[in-house]
């Protein structure tokens, strides 16, 4: 069981690395490390596939929420090729977390993400 737990936690750590990458080159490398070439991300606001679209979605979030970063909340839970976890989008200025959600990821054999289904649990009005 610990090997599987590490697999899920490592995949989620790479996922957060990608979401927290602010510079385009760093972000592109982080997205490639986290997702397969045809990996997808779907939530109520967007549906993206492939490294370029994924990096563009992440860049868009940083443009909308400058000075914010993603942090995990709680533990990663997984079985087979699926894991779930929760997160918050946190302000570096005051520590507030106006956006929060939960994601479910599907992993490939090599531990990279094939698909993400995102759920937004807390979103500020007008966002």
C-alpha atoms as a PDB file:
ATOM      1  CA  UNK A   1       0.000   0.000   0.000  1.00  0.00           C
ATOM      2  CA  UNK A   2       2.731   2.642   0.685  1.00  0.00           C
ATOM      3  CA  UNK A   3       3.972   2.381  -2.918  1.00  0.00           C
ATOM      4  CA  UNK A   4       0.492   3.262  -4.181  1.00  0.00           C
ATOM      5  CA  UNK A   5       0.152   6.049  -1.637  1.00  0.00           C
ATOM      6  CA  UNK A   6       3.481   7.488  -2.823  1.00  0.00           C
ATOM      7  CA  UNK A   7       2.281   7.226  -6.422  1.00  0.00           C
ATOM      8  CA  UNK A   8      -0.807   9.324  -5.670  1.00  0.00           C
ATOM      9  CA  UNK A   9       1.044  11.848  -3.520  1.00  0.00           C
ATOM     10  CA  UNK A  10       3.818  12.250  -6.105  1.00  0.00           C
ATOM     11  CA  UNK A  11       1.283  12.814  -8.895  1.00  0.00           C
ATOM     12  CA  UNK A  12      -0.545  15.419  -6.811  1.00  0.00           C
ATOM     13  CA  UNK A  13       2.737  17.145  -5.886  1.00  0.00           C
ATOM     14  CA  UNK A  14       3.600  17.465  -9.608  1.00  0.00           C
ATOM     15  CA  UNK A  15       0.062  18.750 -10.228  1.00  0.00           C
ATOM     16  CA  UNK A  16       0.536  21.530  -7.640  1.00  0.00           C
ATOM     17  CA  UNK A  17       3.968  22.318  -9.103  1.00  0.00           C
ATOM     18  CA  UNK A  18       2.256  22.934 -12.444  1.00  0.00           C
ATOM     19  CA  UNK A  19      -0.547  25.049 -10.987  1.00  0.00           C
ATOM     20  CA  UNK A  20       1.922  27.131  -8.971  1.00  0.00           C
ATOM     21  CA  UNK A  21       4.381  27.736 -11.810  1.00  0.00           C
ATOM     22  CA  UNK A  22       4.239  31.423 -12.724  1.00  0.00           C
ATOM     23  CA  UNK A  23       6.878  31.679 -15.463  1.00  0.00           C
ATOM     24  CA  UNK A  24       5.854  30.295 -18.866  1.00  0.00           C
ATOM     25  CA  UNK A  25       8.921  28.068 -19.375  1.00  0.00           C
ATOM     26  CA  UNK A  26       8.739  26.633 -15.874  1.00  0.00           C
ATOM     27  CA  UNK A  27       5.007  26.107 -16.268  1.00  0.00           C
ATOM     28  CA  UNK A  28       5.444  24.248 -19.585  1.00  0.00           C
ATOM     29  CA  UNK A  29       7.980  21.880 -17.992  1.00  0.00           C
ATOM     30  CA  UNK A  30       5.791  21.341 -14.935  1.00  0.00           C
ATOM     31  CA  UNK A  31       2.714  20.619 -17.064  1.00  0.00           C
ATOM     32  CA  UNK A  32       4.708  18.078 -19.120  1.00  0.00           C
ATOM     33  CA  UNK A  33       5.947  16.421 -15.918  1.00  0.00           C
ATOM     34  CA  UNK A  34       2.437  16.198 -14.444  1.00  0.00           C
ATOM     35  CA  UNK A  35       0.240  15.330 -17.452  1.00  0.00           C
ATOM     36  CA  UNK A  36       0.439  12.992 -20.420  1.00  0.00           C
ATOM     37  CA  UNK A  37       0.676  14.718 -23.819  1.00  0.00           C
ATOM     38  CA  UNK A  38      -3.065  14.193 -24.352  1.00  0.00           C
ATOM     39  CA  UNK A  39      -4.024  14.799 -20.716  1.00  0.00           C
ATOM     40  CA  UNK A  40      -7.185  16.740 -19.933  1.00  0.00           C
ATOM     41  CA  UNK A  41      -8.564  19.086 -17.294  1.00  0.00           C
ATOM     42  CA  UNK A  42     -12.305  19.684 -16.896  1.00  0.00           C
ATOM     43  CA  UNK A  43     -14.097  21.785 -14.304  1.00  0.00           C
ATOM     44  CA  UNK A  44     -17.312  23.865 -14.378  1.00  0.00           C
ATOM     45  CA  UNK A  45     -15.478  26.787 -16.025  1.00  0.00           C
ATOM     46  CA  UNK A  46     -13.143  25.129 -18.532  1.00  0.00           C
ATOM     47  CA  UNK A  47     -12.344  22.048 -20.556  1.00  0.00           C
ATOM     48  CA  UNK A  48      -8.742  21.788 -21.778  1.00  0.00           C
ATOM     49  CA  UNK A  49      -6.615  19.096 -23.373  1.00  0.00           C
ATOM     50  CA  UNK A  50      -2.946  18.810 -24.241  1.00  0.00           C
ATOM     51  CA  UNK A  51       0.013  20.572 -22.691  1.00  0.00           C
ATOM     52  CA  UNK A  52      -0.454  23.930 -24.458  1.00  0.00           C
ATOM     53  CA  UNK A  53      -4.106  24.291 -23.459  1.00  0.00           C
ATOM     54  CA  UNK A  54      -3.399  23.136 -19.914  1.00  0.00           C
ATOM     55  CA  UNK A  55      -0.586  25.668 -19.525  1.00  0.00           C
ATOM     56  CA  UNK A  56      -2.858  28.392 -20.938  1.00  0.00           C
ATOM     57  CA  UNK A  57      -5.603  27.592 -18.405  1.00  0.00           C
ATOM     58  CA  UNK A  58      -3.084  27.781 -15.562  1.00  0.00           C
ATOM     59  CA  UNK A  59      -1.687  31.067 -16.902  1.00  0.00           C
ATOM     60  CA  UNK A  60      -5.230  32.441 -17.046  1.00  0.00           C
ATOM     61  CA  UNK A  61      -5.816  31.639 -13.385  1.00  0.00           C
ATOM     62  CA  UNK A  62      -2.589  33.452 -12.453  1.00  0.00           C
ATOM     63  CA  UNK A  63      -3.734  36.465 -14.478  1.00  0.00           C
ATOM     64  CA  UNK A  64      -7.112  36.465 -12.739  1.00  0.00           C
ATOM     65  CA  UNK A  65      -5.599  35.891  -9.277  1.00  0.00           C
ATOM     66  CA  UNK A  66      -2.132  37.518  -9.200  1.00  0.00           C
ATOM     67  CA  UNK A  67      -0.227  36.889  -5.990  1.00  0.00           C
ATOM     68  CA  UNK A  68      -2.113  33.683  -5.200  1.00  0.00           C
ATOM     69  CA  UNK A  69      -0.918  30.082  -4.968  1.00  0.00           C
ATOM     70  CA  UNK A  70      -2.554  26.677  -4.707  1.00  0.00           C
ATOM     71  CA  UNK A  71      -2.127  24.567  -1.592  1.00  0.00           C
ATOM     72  CA  UNK A  72      -3.450  21.120  -0.749  1.00  0.00           C
ATOM     73  CA  UNK A  73      -6.040  20.684   1.974  1.00  0.00           C
ATOM     74  CA  UNK A  74      -6.136  17.379   3.827  1.00  0.00           C
ATOM     75  CA  UNK A  75      -4.721  14.159   2.466  1.00  0.00           C
ATOM     76  CA  UNK A  76      -4.681  12.487  -0.918  1.00  0.00           C
ATOM     77  CA  UNK A  77      -6.990   9.471  -1.183  1.00  0.00           C
ATOM     78  CA  UNK A  78      -6.555   6.965  -3.982  1.00  0.00           C
ATOM     79  CA  UNK A  79      -7.170   3.514  -5.321  1.00  0.00           C
ATOM     80  CA  UNK A  80      -6.297   1.794  -8.569  1.00  0.00           C
ATOM     81  CA  UNK A  81      -5.484   4.562 -11.085  1.00  0.00           C
ATOM     82  CA  UNK A  82      -7.647   7.224  -9.404  1.00  0.00           C
ATOM     83  CA  UNK A  83      -6.964   9.753  -6.655  1.00  0.00           C
ATOM     84  CA  UNK A  84      -8.885  12.618  -5.100  1.00  0.00           C
ATOM     85  CA  UNK A  85      -7.807  15.607  -3.073  1.00  0.00           C
ATOM     86  CA  UNK A  86      -8.883  19.089  -2.046  1.00  0.00           C
ATOM     87  CA  UNK A  87      -7.154  22.432  -2.459  1.00  0.00           C
ATOM     88  CA  UNK A  88      -7.383  26.168  -1.816  1.00  0.00           C
ATOM     89  CA  UNK A  89      -6.233  29.198  -3.774  1.00  0.00           C
ATOM     90  CA  UNK A  90      -4.428  31.335  -1.190  1.00  0.00           C
ATOM     91  CA  UNK A  91      -3.444  35.009  -1.191  1.00  0.00           C
ATOM     92  CA  UNK A  92       0.221  35.612  -0.440  1.00  0.00           C
ATOM     93  CA  UNK A  93      -0.726  39.057   0.912  1.00  0.00           C
ATOM     94  CA  UNK A  94      -3.178  38.098   3.641  1.00  0.00           C
ATOM     95  CA  UNK A  95      -3.528  34.291   3.665  1.00  0.00           C
ATOM     96  CA  UNK A  96      -7.179  34.379   2.647  1.00  0.00           C
ATOM     97  CA  UNK A  97      -8.425  31.539   0.452  1.00  0.00           C
ATOM     98  CA  UNK A  98     -11.393  32.783  -1.583  1.00  0.00           C
ATOM     99  CA  UNK A  99     -11.413  29.771  -3.928  1.00  0.00           C
ATOM    100  CA  UNK A 100     -11.422  26.107  -2.944  1.00  0.00           C
ATOM    101  CA  UNK A 101     -12.177  22.862  -4.672  1.00  0.00           C
ATOM    102  CA  UNK A 102     -11.729  19.137  -4.970  1.00  0.00           C
ATOM    103  CA  UNK A 103     -10.208  17.246  -7.880  1.00  0.00           C
ATOM    104  CA  UNK A 104     -10.298  13.661  -9.045  1.00  0.00           C
ATOM    105  CA  UNK A 105      -7.389  12.516 -11.212  1.00  0.00           C
ATOM    106  CA  UNK A 106      -6.844   9.458 -13.357  1.00  0.00           C
ATOM    107  CA  UNK A 107      -3.244   8.291 -13.645  1.00  0.00           C
ATOM    108  CA  UNK A 108      -1.409   6.330 -16.292  1.00  0.00           C
ATOM    109  CA  UNK A 109       1.000   3.498 -15.571  1.00  0.00           C
ATOM    110  CA  UNK A 110       3.932   5.932 -15.336  1.00  0.00           C
ATOM    111  CA  UNK A 111       2.108   8.051 -12.715  1.00  0.00           C
ATOM    112  CA  UNK A 112       1.310  11.009 -14.936  1.00  0.00           C
ATOM    113  CA  UNK A 113      -2.182  12.457 -15.122  1.00  0.00           C
ATOM    114  CA  UNK A 114      -4.446  11.366 -17.952  1.00  0.00           C
ATOM    115  CA  UNK A 115      -7.534  13.278 -16.791  1.00  0.00           C
ATOM    116  CA  UNK A 116      -8.649  15.705 -14.088  1.00  0.00           C
ATOM    117  CA  UNK A 117     -12.234  16.327 -13.069  1.00  0.00           C
ATOM    118  CA  UNK A 118     -12.328  19.477 -10.962  1.00  0.00           C
ATOM    119  CA  UNK A 119     -15.091  20.641  -8.641  1.00  0.00           C
ATOM    120  CA  UNK A 120     -15.302  24.185  -7.301  1.00  0.00           C
ATOM    121  CA  UNK A 121     -16.453  24.177  -3.693  1.00  0.00           C
ATOM    122  CA  UNK A 122     -15.984  27.903  -2.974  1.00  0.00           C
ATOM    123  CA  UNK A 123     -15.840  30.699  -5.563  1.00  0.00           C
ATOM    124  CA  UNK A 124     -16.149  34.441  -4.865  1.00  0.00           C
ATOM    125  CA  UNK A 125     -18.993  36.336  -6.481  1.00  0.00           C
ATOM    126  CA  UNK A 126     -17.992  37.727  -9.862  1.00  0.00           C
ATOM    127  CA  UNK A 127     -15.035  35.384 -10.338  1.00  0.00           C
END
